[in-house]
Amino acid sequence: MDETPQPISESTPAPSTGANEAGTSEPAVSYTTAPPRRDRWAHRRTEPRPFALLWIIYLIAAALVSFGIAGTFAYPTAELYKHATRVMLFLACLGFAIFWPMLRLSQARPERPRLSVILDLLVLLPPLQCVVWPQAFDWMSRWTLGVVLGVSLASIGWSLLVGAVLALALSTESPSLATRERTGRRSLWMIVFLAATVLGPACSLSLPGLPDCDPWLMSSPVGSVLEILRARNWSPDGHAMTTGHWWGVAVTWGVAMLGWVVVGVVGRPAEGLRAGGIVPAGEHA
């Protein structure tokens, strides 16, 4: 009998030896493990670099609007320049008091809310301070160091306080909430930010304040800067930090620090459970 081996057809697969050409075995493919989930909301979180760009653009737009309205591009007098600077700082404070929470509350909840807010603060504060401190120079607003320091501390304190409330709003939000419930909850938090910004100046219009300091204006992130920079005829420089202003700044910092303590206490248990592989009650795995 002819035992000549028959040629192997091209359509017949070659037998597998479980090793590649290099002599090493390839790991078996597991079809039971799901591929890693892709974060489909990453592009909507505006992480620090895009957020920094938006903040710089906003400050530039605020400067163009304030100085353009005051007419300092054509007539750069000292009084017009000071007025334009007050408007610019008012718009800058409005940015971190209203537009920053509005931006974050309209996006997907970050996985680590406290860290996300801290990174936002690191983006917000340096450019804002770069706007405040040069106003002490003679060729700019010529504010005294006390006034510049007061405006700087007031803006930082209110930024920290707004950040604490924003971190609390995001940390206490369950990812399992339905869209309607999440929208309603975030709308209530946005009302809190609006009230904290507008309520003080609104009360200042109808309620009398102290001669050297208006406490109602100091209770608002935008009103505090306007109150500190309010013209005072009794001061040789036209502006002055009074005792009431320093007390207002100190109270703002105290409330901000207390707010961050609350955020740390509220947010730590949930993050610790997730790190240990345990999903808190009310959340989906």
C-alpha atoms as a PDB file:
ATOM      1  CA  MET A   1       0.000   0.000   0.000  1.00  0.00           C
ATOM      2  CA  ASP A   2       1.198   3.475  -0.877  1.00  0.00           C
ATOM      3  CA  GLU A   3       1.766   5.380   2.404  1.00  0.00           C
ATOM      4  CA  THR A   4       2.895   8.635   0.796  1.00  0.00           C
ATOM      5  CA  PRO A   5       1.761  11.514   3.084  1.00  0.00           C
ATOM      6  CA  GLN A   6      -0.981  13.633   1.605  1.00  0.00           C
ATOM      7  CA  PRO A   7      -0.323  17.436   1.322  1.00  0.00           C
ATOM      8  CA  ILE A   8      -2.040  19.574   3.922  1.00  0.00           C
ATOM      9  CA  SER A   9      -4.743  21.786   2.492  1.00  0.00           C
ATOM     10  CA  GLU A  10      -4.368  25.548   2.915  1.00  0.00           C
ATOM     11  CA  SER A  11      -7.773  25.704   4.551  1.00  0.00           C
ATOM     12  CA  THR A  12      -6.785  23.190   7.201  1.00  0.00           C
ATOM     13  CA  PRO A  13      -5.427  24.970  10.299  1.00  0.00           C
ATOM     14  CA  ALA A  14      -2.028  23.909  11.502  1.00  0.00           C
ATOM     15  CA  PRO A  15      -1.977  22.180  14.839  1.00  0.00           C
ATOM     16  CA  SER A  16      -1.291  24.492  17.740  1.00  0.00           C
ATOM     17  CA  THR A  17       1.501  23.606  20.077  1.00  0.00           C
ATOM     18  CA  GLY A  18       0.630  26.322  22.616  1.00  0.00           C
ATOM     19  CA  ALA A  19       3.965  28.104  22.027  1.00  0.00           C
ATOM     20  CA  ASN A  20       5.048  30.883  19.718  1.00  0.00           C
ATOM     21  CA  GLU A  21       8.166  30.967  17.549  1.00  0.00           C
ATOM     22  CA  ALA A  22      10.290  32.199  20.413  1.00  0.00           C
ATOM     23  CA  GLY A  23       9.411  29.118  22.430  1.00  0.00           C
ATOM     24  CA  THR A  24       7.331  30.899  25.065  1.00  0.00           C
ATOM     25  CA  SER A  25       3.759  29.976  25.783  1.00  0.00           C
ATOM     26  CA  GLU A  26       1.059  32.591  25.226  1.00  0.00           C
ATOM     27  CA  PRO A  27      -1.402  33.282  28.035  1.00  0.00           C
ATOM     28  CA  ALA A  28      -4.861  31.965  27.536  1.00  0.00           C
ATOM     29  CA  VAL A  29      -7.524  34.487  26.627  1.00  0.00           C
ATOM     30  CA  SER A  30     -10.229  34.851  29.253  1.00  0.00           C
ATOM     31  CA  TYR A  31     -13.670  35.618  27.881  1.00  0.00           C
ATOM     32  CA  THR A  32     -15.230  36.031  31.319  1.00  0.00           C
ATOM     33  CA  THR A  33     -13.415  39.255  32.286  1.00  0.00           C
ATOM     34  CA  ALA A  34     -15.075  42.421  31.023  1.00  0.00           C
ATOM     35  CA  PRO A  35     -12.813  45.035  29.391  1.00  0.00           C
ATOM     36  CA  PRO A  36     -12.086  48.165  31.445  1.00  0.00           C
ATOM     37  CA  ARG A  37     -14.855  50.728  31.323  1.00  0.00           C
ATOM     38  CA  ARG A  38     -14.120  53.872  29.390  1.00  0.00           C
ATOM     39  CA  ASP A  39     -14.927  57.147  31.116  1.00  0.00           C
ATOM     40  CA  ARG A  40     -17.363  58.648  28.640  1.00  0.00           C
ATOM     41  CA  TRP A  41     -17.706  61.845  30.693  1.00  0.00           C
ATOM     42  CA  ALA A  42     -13.997  62.706  30.879  1.00  0.00           C
ATOM     43  CA  HIS A  43     -14.298  65.386  28.204  1.00  0.00           C
ATOM     44  CA  ARG A  44     -17.052  67.156  30.185  1.00  0.00           C
ATOM     45  CA  ARG A  45     -15.216  67.579  33.475  1.00  0.00           C
ATOM     46  CA  THR A  46     -12.945  70.410  32.265  1.00  0.00           C
ATOM     47  CA  GLU A  47      -9.966  69.240  34.282  1.00  0.00           C
ATOM     48  CA  PRO A  48      -7.322  71.737  35.462  1.00  0.00           C
ATOM     49  CA  ARG A  49      -5.630  72.596  32.170  1.00  0.00           C
ATOM     50  CA  PRO A  50      -8.785  73.452  30.162  1.00  0.00           C
ATOM     51  CA  PHE A  51     -10.254  75.066  33.267  1.00  0.00           C
ATOM     52  CA  ALA A  52      -7.129  77.209  33.650  1.00  0.00           C
ATOM     53  CA  LEU A  53      -7.483  78.353  30.049  1.00  0.00           C
ATOM     54  CA  LEU A  54     -11.136  79.262  30.587  1.00  0.00           C
ATOM     55  CA  TRP A  55     -10.261  81.191  33.764  1.00  0.00           C
ATOM     56  CA  ILE A  56      -7.514  83.184  32.045  1.00  0.00           C
ATOM     57  CA  ILE A  57      -9.838  84.003  29.158  1.00  0.00           C
ATOM     58  CA  TYR A  58     -12.493  85.118  31.641  1.00  0.00           C
ATOM     59  CA  LEU A  59     -10.079  87.446  33.475  1.00  0.00           C
ATOM     60  CA  ILE A  60      -8.898  88.951  30.193  1.00  0.00           C
ATOM     61  CA  ALA A  61     -12.507  89.497  29.113  1.00  0.00           C
ATOM     62  CA  ALA A  62     -13.291  91.076  32.499  1.00  0.00           C
ATOM     63  CA  ALA A  63     -10.361  93.488  32.074  1.00  0.00           C
ATOM     64  CA  LEU A  64     -11.415  94.419  28.551  1.00  0.00           C
ATOM     65  CA  VAL A  65     -15.003  95.021  29.618  1.00  0.00           C
ATOM     66  CA  SER A  66     -14.169  97.027  32.748  1.00  0.00           C
ATOM     67  CA  PHE A  67     -11.499  99.219  31.205  1.00  0.00           C
ATOM     68  CA  GLY A  68     -13.478  99.646  27.995  1.00  0.00           C
ATOM     69  CA  ILE A  69     -16.591 100.821  29.854  1.00  0.00           C
ATOM     70  CA  ALA A  70     -14.553 103.216  31.985  1.00  0.00           C
ATOM     71  CA  GLY A  71     -12.914 104.657  28.878  1.00  0.00           C
ATOM     72  CA  THR A  72      -9.406 104.327  30.273  1.00  0.00           C
ATOM     73  CA  PHE A  73      -8.050 103.212  26.896  1.00  0.00           C
ATOM     74  CA  ALA A  74      -8.637 106.725  25.581  1.00  0.00           C
ATOM     75  CA  TYR A  75      -8.375 108.783  28.813  1.00  0.00           C
ATOM     76  CA  PRO A  76      -6.207 106.916  31.365  1.00  0.00           C
ATOM     77  CA  THR A  77      -6.807 109.167  34.358  1.00  0.00           C
ATOM     78  CA  ALA A  78      -6.119 107.924  37.876  1.00  0.00           C
ATOM     79  CA  GLU A  79      -9.747 107.990  39.045  1.00  0.00           C
ATOM     80  CA  LEU A  80     -11.045 106.225  35.958  1.00  0.00           C
ATOM     81  CA  TYR A  81      -8.337 103.598  36.293  1.00  0.00           C
ATOM     82  CA  LYS A  82      -9.270 102.925  39.934  1.00  0.00           C
ATOM     83  CA  HIS A  83     -12.915 102.665  38.990  1.00  0.00           C
ATOM     84  CA  ALA A  84     -12.087 100.225  36.190  1.00  0.00           C
ATOM     85  CA  THR A  85     -10.000  98.138  38.574  1.00  0.00           C
ATOM     86  CA  ARG A  86     -12.894  97.903  41.042  1.00  0.00           C
ATOM     87  CA  VAL A  87     -15.188  96.718  38.243  1.00  0.00           C
ATOM     88  CA  MET A  88     -12.600  94.188  37.094  1.00  0.00           C
ATOM     89  CA  LEU A  89     -12.194  92.736  40.605  1.00  0.00           C
ATOM     90  CA  PHE A  90     -15.964  92.662  41.003  1.00  0.00           C
ATOM     91  CA  LEU A  91     -16.243  90.566  37.818  1.00  0.00           C
ATOM     92  CA  ALA A  92     -13.365  88.338  38.963  1.00  0.00           C
ATOM     93  CA  CYS A  93     -15.101  87.653  42.299  1.00  0.00           C
ATOM     94  CA  LEU A  94     -18.330  87.016  40.436  1.00  0.00           C
ATOM     95  CA  GLY A  95     -16.435  84.411  38.417  1.00  0.00           C
ATOM     96  CA  PHE A  96     -15.380  82.234  41.353  1.00  0.00           C
ATOM     97  CA  ALA A  97     -18.586  82.888  43.354  1.00  0.00           C
ATOM     98  CA  ILE A  98     -21.152  82.082  40.629  1.00  0.00           C
ATOM     99  CA  PHE A  99     -19.664  80.844  37.363  1.00  0.00           C
ATOM    100  CA  TRP A 100     -17.247  78.332  38.914  1.00  0.00           C
ATOM    101  CA  PRO A 101     -19.964  76.468  40.890  1.00  0.00           C
ATOM    102  CA  MET A 102     -22.298  76.737  37.913  1.00  0.00           C
ATOM    103  CA  LEU A 103     -19.688  75.094  35.678  1.00  0.00           C
ATOM    104  CA  ARG A 104     -18.919  72.235  38.056  1.00  0.00           C
ATOM    105  CA  LEU A 105     -22.535  71.553  38.994  1.00  0.00           C
ATOM    106  CA  SER A 106     -23.459  71.257  35.317  1.00  0.00           C
ATOM    107  CA  GLN A 107     -20.862  68.535  34.716  1.00  0.00           C
ATOM    108  CA  ALA A 108     -20.489  64.898  35.689  1.00  0.00           C
ATOM    109  CA  ARG A 109     -19.563  64.262  39.313  1.00  0.00           C
ATOM    110  CA  PRO A 110     -15.790  63.699  39.683  1.00  0.00           C
ATOM    111  CA  GLU A 111     -14.597  60.489  41.291  1.00  0.00           C
ATOM    112  CA  ARG A 112     -12.690  62.448  43.971  1.00  0.00           C
ATOM    113  CA  PRO A 113     -14.699  65.648  44.572  1.00  0.00           C
ATOM    114  CA  ARG A 114     -12.465  67.130  47.276  1.00  0.00           C
ATOM    115  CA  LEU A 115      -9.287  66.734  45.238  1.00  0.00           C
ATOM    116  CA  SER A 116     -11.030  68.136  42.171  1.00  0.00           C
ATOM    117  CA  VAL A 117     -12.095  71.281  44.047  1.00  0.00           C
ATOM    118  CA  ILE A 118      -8.601  71.732  45.516  1.00  0.00           C
ATOM    119  CA  LEU A 119      -7.099  71.529  42.031  1.00  0.00           C
ATOM    120  CA  ASP A 120      -9.619  74.132  40.882  1.00  0.00           C
ATOM    121  CA  LEU A 121      -8.521  76.436  43.708  1.00  0.00           C
ATOM    122  CA  LEU A 122      -4.894  76.053  42.637  1.00  0.00           C
ATOM    123  CA  VAL A 123      -6.001  77.216  39.200  1.00  0.00           C
ATOM    124  CA  LEU A 124      -8.215  80.083  40.391  1.00  0.00           C
ATOM    125  CA  LEU A 125      -6.113  81.794  43.035  1.00  0.00           C
ATOM    126  CA  PRO A 126      -2.709  82.524  41.393  1.00  0.00           C
ATOM    127  CA  PRO A 127      -4.082  84.499  38.395  1.00  0.00           C
ATOM    128  CA  LEU A 128      -6.456  86.366  40.700  1.00  0.00           C
ATOM    129  CA  GLN A 129      -3.610  87.374  43.002  1.00  0.00           C
ATOM    130  CA  CYS A 130      -1.587  88.462  39.982  1.00  0.00           C
ATOM    131  CA  VAL A 131      -4.385  90.945  39.313  1.00  0.00           C
ATOM    132  CA  VAL A 132      -4.636  92.192  42.914  1.00  0.00           C
ATOM    133  CA  TRP A 133      -1.049  92.742  44.055  1.00  0.00           C
ATOM    134  CA  PRO A 134       0.238  94.909  41.150  1.00  0.00           C
ATOM    135  CA  GLN A 135      -2.342  97.543  42.143  1.00  0.00           C
ATOM    136  CA  ALA A 136       0.061  98.687  44.873  1.00  0.00           C
ATOM    137  CA  PHE A 137       2.451 100.155  42.285  1.00  0.00           C
ATOM    138  CA  ASP A 138       2.469 103.907  41.664  1.00  0.00           C
ATOM    139  CA  TRP A 139       1.819 103.456  37.962  1.00  0.00           C
ATOM    140  CA  MET A 140      -1.354 101.474  38.687  1.00  0.00           C
ATOM    141  CA  SER A 141      -4.029 102.055  41.353  1.00  0.00           C
ATOM    142  CA  ARG A 142      -1.542 103.088  44.089  1.00  0.00           C
ATOM    143  CA  TRP A 143      -3.394 101.259  46.831  1.00  0.00           C
ATOM    144  CA  THR A 144      -1.683 100.957  50.181  1.00  0.00           C
ATOM    145  CA  LEU A 145      -0.242  97.596  51.204  1.00  0.00           C
ATOM    146  CA  GLY A 146      -2.960  97.257  53.826  1.00  0.00           C
ATOM    147  CA  VAL A 147      -5.706  97.631  51.228  1.00  0.00           C
ATOM    148  CA  VAL A 148      -4.003  95.227  48.810  1.00  0.00           C
ATOM    149  CA  LEU A 149      -3.499  92.694  51.604  1.00  0.00           C
ATOM    150  CA  GLY A 150      -7.122  93.044  52.669  1.00  0.00           C
ATOM    151  CA  VAL A 151      -8.446  92.514  49.134  1.00  0.00           C
ATOM    152  CA  SER A 152      -6.099  89.562  48.681  1.00  0.00           C
ATOM    153  CA  LEU A 153      -7.121  87.860  51.932  1.00  0.00           C
ATOM    154  CA  ALA A 154     -10.808  88.545  51.298  1.00  0.00           C
ATOM    155  CA  SER A 155     -10.691  87.021  47.805  1.00  0.00           C
ATOM    156  CA  ILE A 156      -8.747  83.968  49.023  1.00  0.00           C
ATOM    157  CA  GLY A 157     -11.047  83.458  52.004  1.00  0.00           C
ATOM    158  CA  TRP A 158     -14.195  83.634  49.910  1.00  0.00           C
ATOM    159  CA  SER A 159     -12.675  81.321  47.281  1.00  0.00           C
ATOM    160  CA  LEU A 160     -11.951  78.763  49.993  1.00  0.00           C
ATOM    161  CA  LEU A 161     -15.463  79.101  51.391  1.00  0.00           C
ATOM    162  CA  VAL A 162     -17.094  78.703  47.970  1.00  0.00           C
ATOM    163  CA  GLY A 163     -14.826  75.721  47.316  1.00  0.00           C
ATOM    164  CA  ALA A 164     -15.830  74.110  50.623  1.00  0.00           C
ATOM    165  CA  VAL A 165     -19.533  74.412  49.821  1.00  0.00           C
ATOM    166  CA  LEU A 166     -18.937  73.080  46.301  1.00  0.00           C
ATOM    167  CA  ALA A 167     -16.929  70.129  47.619  1.00  0.00           C
ATOM    168  CA  LEU A 168     -19.683  69.412  50.156  1.00  0.00           C
ATOM    169  CA  ALA A 169     -22.310  69.479  47.412  1.00  0.00           C
ATOM    170  CA  LEU A 170     -20.366  67.017  45.247  1.00  0.00           C
ATOM    171  CA  SER A 171     -19.170  64.762  48.081  1.00  0.00           C
ATOM    172  CA  THR A 172     -22.650  64.171  49.467  1.00  0.00           C
ATOM    173  CA  GLU A 173     -24.143  63.365  46.074  1.00  0.00           C
ATOM    174  CA  SER A 174     -24.811  59.695  45.389  1.00  0.00           C
ATOM    175  CA  PRO A 175     -23.786  58.505  41.901  1.00  0.00           C
ATOM    176  CA  SER A 176     -26.923  56.357  41.818  1.00  0.00           C
ATOM    177  CA  LEU A 177     -29.287  59.343  41.759  1.00  0.00           C
ATOM    178  CA  ALA A 178     -31.642  59.599  38.841  1.00  0.00           C
ATOM    179  CA  THR A 179     -31.168  62.453  36.407  1.00  0.00           C
ATOM    180  CA  ARG A 180     -34.198  64.374  37.658  1.00  0.00           C
ATOM    181  CA  GLU A 181     -33.201  64.012  41.307  1.00  0.00           C
ATOM    182  CA  ARG A 182     -29.620  65.056  40.566  1.00  0.00           C
ATOM    183  CA  THR A 183     -30.793  68.101  38.622  1.00  0.00           C
ATOM    184  CA  GLY A 184     -33.122  69.203  41.400  1.00  0.00           C
ATOM    185  CA  ARG A 185     -30.472  68.702  44.059  1.00  0.00           C
ATOM    186  CA  ARG A 186     -27.860  70.675  42.158  1.00  0.00           C
ATOM    187  CA  SER A 187     -30.363  73.437  41.442  1.00  0.00           C
ATOM    188  CA  LEU A 188     -30.869  73.861  45.188  1.00  0.00           C
ATOM    189  CA  TRP A 189     -27.119  74.081  45.730  1.00  0.00           C
ATOM    190  CA  MET A 190     -26.882  76.700  42.987  1.00  0.00           C
ATOM    191  CA  ILE A 191     -29.565  78.727  44.762  1.00  0.00           C
ATOM    192  CA  VAL A 192     -27.350  78.617  47.868  1.00  0.00           C
ATOM    193  CA  PHE A 193     -24.419  80.088  45.911  1.00  0.00           C
ATOM    194  CA  LEU A 194     -26.619  82.795  44.398  1.00  0.00           C
ATOM    195  CA  ALA A 195     -28.111  83.703  47.764  1.00  0.00           C
ATOM    196  CA  ALA A 196     -24.687  83.918  49.435  1.00  0.00           C
ATOM    197  CA  THR A 197     -23.565  86.304  46.697  1.00  0.00           C
ATOM    198  CA  VAL A 198     -26.621  88.533  46.323  1.00  0.00           C
ATOM    199  CA  LEU A 199     -28.268  88.559  49.748  1.00  0.00           C
ATOM    200  CA  GLY A 200     -25.646  90.719  51.476  1.00  0.00           C
ATOM    201  CA  PRO A 201     -25.604  93.551  48.887  1.00  0.00           C
ATOM    202  CA  ALA A 202     -29.431  93.437  48.746  1.00  0.00           C
ATOM    203  CA  CYS A 203     -29.653  93.924  52.517  1.00  0.00           C
ATOM    204  CA  SER A 204     -27.089  96.713  52.315  1.00  0.00           C
ATOM    205  CA  LEU A 205     -29.438  98.737  50.119  1.00  0.00           C
ATOM    206  CA  SER A 206     -32.169  98.822  52.772  1.00  0.00           C
ATOM    207  CA  LEU A 207     -30.397  98.309  56.107  1.00  0.00           C
ATOM    208  CA  PRO A 208     -27.901 100.818  57.521  1.00  0.00           C
ATOM    209  CA  GLY A 209     -24.316  99.747  58.090  1.00  0.00           C
ATOM    210  CA  LEU A 210     -21.525 101.002  60.296  1.00  0.00           C
ATOM    211  CA  PRO A 211     -19.778 104.270  59.369  1.00  0.00           C
ATOM    212  CA  ASP A 212     -16.408 102.670  58.660  1.00  0.00           C
ATOM    213  CA  CYS A 213     -17.596  99.266  57.422  1.00  0.00           C
ATOM    214  CA  ASP A 214     -20.782  97.791  55.996  1.00  0.00           C
ATOM    215  CA  PRO A 215     -21.126  94.260  57.461  1.00  0.00           C
ATOM    216  CA  TRP A 216     -23.772  93.348  54.894  1.00  0.00           C
ATOM    217  CA  LEU A 217     -21.347  93.923  52.043  1.00  0.00           C
ATOM    218  CA  MET A 218     -18.608  92.051  53.880  1.00  0.00           C
ATOM    219  CA  SER A 219     -20.928  89.024  54.015  1.00  0.00           C
ATOM    220  CA  SER A 220     -20.789  88.617  50.245  1.00  0.00           C
ATOM    221  CA  PRO A 221     -17.880  87.493  48.045  1.00  0.00           C
ATOM    222  CA  VAL A 222     -18.467  90.334  45.587  1.00  0.00           C
ATOM    223  CA  GLY A 223     -19.604  92.902  48.126  1.00  0.00           C
ATOM    224  CA  SER A 224     -16.557  92.507  50.367  1.00  0.00           C
ATOM    225  CA  VAL A 225     -14.165  93.681  47.667  1.00  0.00           C
ATOM    226  CA  LEU A 226     -16.397  96.626  46.796  1.00  0.00           C
ATOM    227  CA  GLU A 227     -16.664  97.581  50.471  1.00  0.00           C
ATOM    228  CA  ILE A 228     -12.912  97.465  51.042  1.00  0.00           C
ATOM    229  CA  LEU A 229     -12.286  99.553  47.907  1.00  0.00           C
ATOM    230  CA  ARG A 230     -15.065 102.046  48.656  1.00  0.00           C
ATOM    231  CA  ALA A 231     -13.861 105.651  48.492  1.00  0.00           C
ATOM    232  CA  ARG A 232     -13.289 107.256  51.890  1.00  0.00           C
ATOM    233  CA  ASN A 233     -12.782 110.994  51.959  1.00  0.00           C
ATOM    234  CA  TRP A 234     -11.255 110.942  55.431  1.00  0.00           C
ATOM    235  CA  SER A 235      -8.347 108.794  54.255  1.00  0.00           C
ATOM    236  CA  PRO A 236      -5.362 110.516  52.603  1.00  0.00           C
ATOM    237  CA  ASP A 237      -5.159 107.747  49.999  1.00  0.00           C
ATOM    238  CA  GLY A 238      -8.915 107.561  49.420  1.00  0.00           C
ATOM    239  CA  HIS A 239      -9.026 103.912  50.609  1.00  0.00           C
ATOM    240  CA  ALA A 240      -8.329 102.277  53.944  1.00  0.00           C
ATOM    241  CA  MET A 241      -8.649  98.952  55.743  1.00  0.00           C
ATOM    242  CA  THR A 242     -10.656  99.496  58.902  1.00  0.00           C
ATOM    243  CA  THR A 243     -11.066  97.292  61.956  1.00  0.00           C
ATOM    244  CA  GLY A 244     -14.448  96.150  60.665  1.00  0.00           C
ATOM    245  CA  HIS A 245     -12.848  95.016  57.406  1.00  0.00           C
ATOM    246  CA  TRP A 246     -10.235  92.955  59.220  1.00  0.00           C
ATOM    247  CA  TRP A 247     -12.915  91.351  61.366  1.00  0.00           C
ATOM    248  CA  GLY A 248     -14.950  90.555  58.255  1.00  0.00           C
ATOM    249  CA  VAL A 249     -11.949  88.912  56.586  1.00  0.00           C
ATOM    250  CA  ALA A 250     -11.173  86.924  59.760  1.00  0.00           C
ATOM    251  CA  VAL A 251     -14.765  85.656  60.011  1.00  0.00           C
ATOM    252  CA  THR A 252     -14.708  84.630  56.344  1.00  0.00           C
ATOM    253  CA  TRP A 253     -11.516  82.639  56.856  1.00  0.00           C
ATOM    254  CA  GLY A 254     -12.896  81.024  60.008  1.00  0.00           C
ATOM    255  CA  VAL A 255     -16.096  79.903  58.286  1.00  0.00           C
ATOM    256  CA  ALA A 256     -14.071  78.642  55.312  1.00  0.00           C
ATOM    257  CA  MET A 257     -11.801  76.534  57.535  1.00  0.00           C
ATOM    258  CA  LEU A 258     -14.829  75.157  59.383  1.00  0.00           C
ATOM    259  CA  GLY A 259     -16.400  74.309  56.040  1.00  0.00           C
ATOM    260  CA  TRP A 260     -13.371  72.312  54.931  1.00  0.00           C
ATOM    261  CA  VAL A 261     -13.368  70.431  58.243  1.00  0.00           C
ATOM    262  CA  VAL A 262     -16.982  69.450  57.573  1.00  0.00           C
ATOM    263  CA  VAL A 263     -16.063  68.386  54.039  1.00  0.00           C
ATOM    264  CA  GLY A 264     -13.248  66.225  55.396  1.00  0.00           C
ATOM    265  CA  VAL A 265     -15.508  64.532  57.925  1.00  0.00           C
ATOM    266  CA  VAL A 266     -18.370  63.968  55.472  1.00  0.00           C
ATOM    267  CA  GLY A 267     -16.334  62.831  52.488  1.00  0.00           C
ATOM    268  CA  ARG A 268     -13.769  60.582  54.184  1.00  0.00           C
ATOM    269  CA  PRO A 269     -15.979  57.620  55.194  1.00  0.00           C
ATOM    270  CA  ALA A 270     -17.416  57.119  51.695  1.00  0.00           C
ATOM    271  CA  GLU A 271     -13.995  57.339  50.056  1.00  0.00           C
ATOM    272  CA  GLY A 272     -12.562  54.900  52.587  1.00  0.00           C
ATOM    273  CA  LEU A 273     -15.290  52.370  51.862  1.00  0.00           C
ATOM    274  CA  ARG A 274     -14.739  52.610  48.122  1.00  0.00           C
ATOM    275  CA  ALA A 275     -10.984  52.172  48.582  1.00  0.00           C
ATOM    276  CA  GLY A 276     -11.662  48.946  50.477  1.00  0.00           C
ATOM    277  CA  GLY A 277     -13.932  47.627  47.763  1.00  0.00           C
ATOM    278  CA  ILE A 278     -17.147  48.284  49.712  1.00  0.00           C
ATOM    279  CA  VAL A 279     -19.891  50.301  48.050  1.00  0.00           C
ATOM    280  CA  PRO A 280     -21.797  52.581  50.438  1.00  0.00           C
ATOM    281  CA  ALA A 281     -25.513  51.963  50.897  1.00  0.00           C
ATOM    282  CA  GLY A 282     -27.632  53.556  48.198  1.00  0.00           C
ATOM    283  CA  GLU A 283     -24.920  53.310  45.528  1.00  0.00           C
ATOM    284  CA  HIS A 284     -24.552  50.751  42.760  1.00  0.00           C
ATOM    285  CA  ALA A 285     -21.422  48.661  42.497  1.00  0.00           C
END
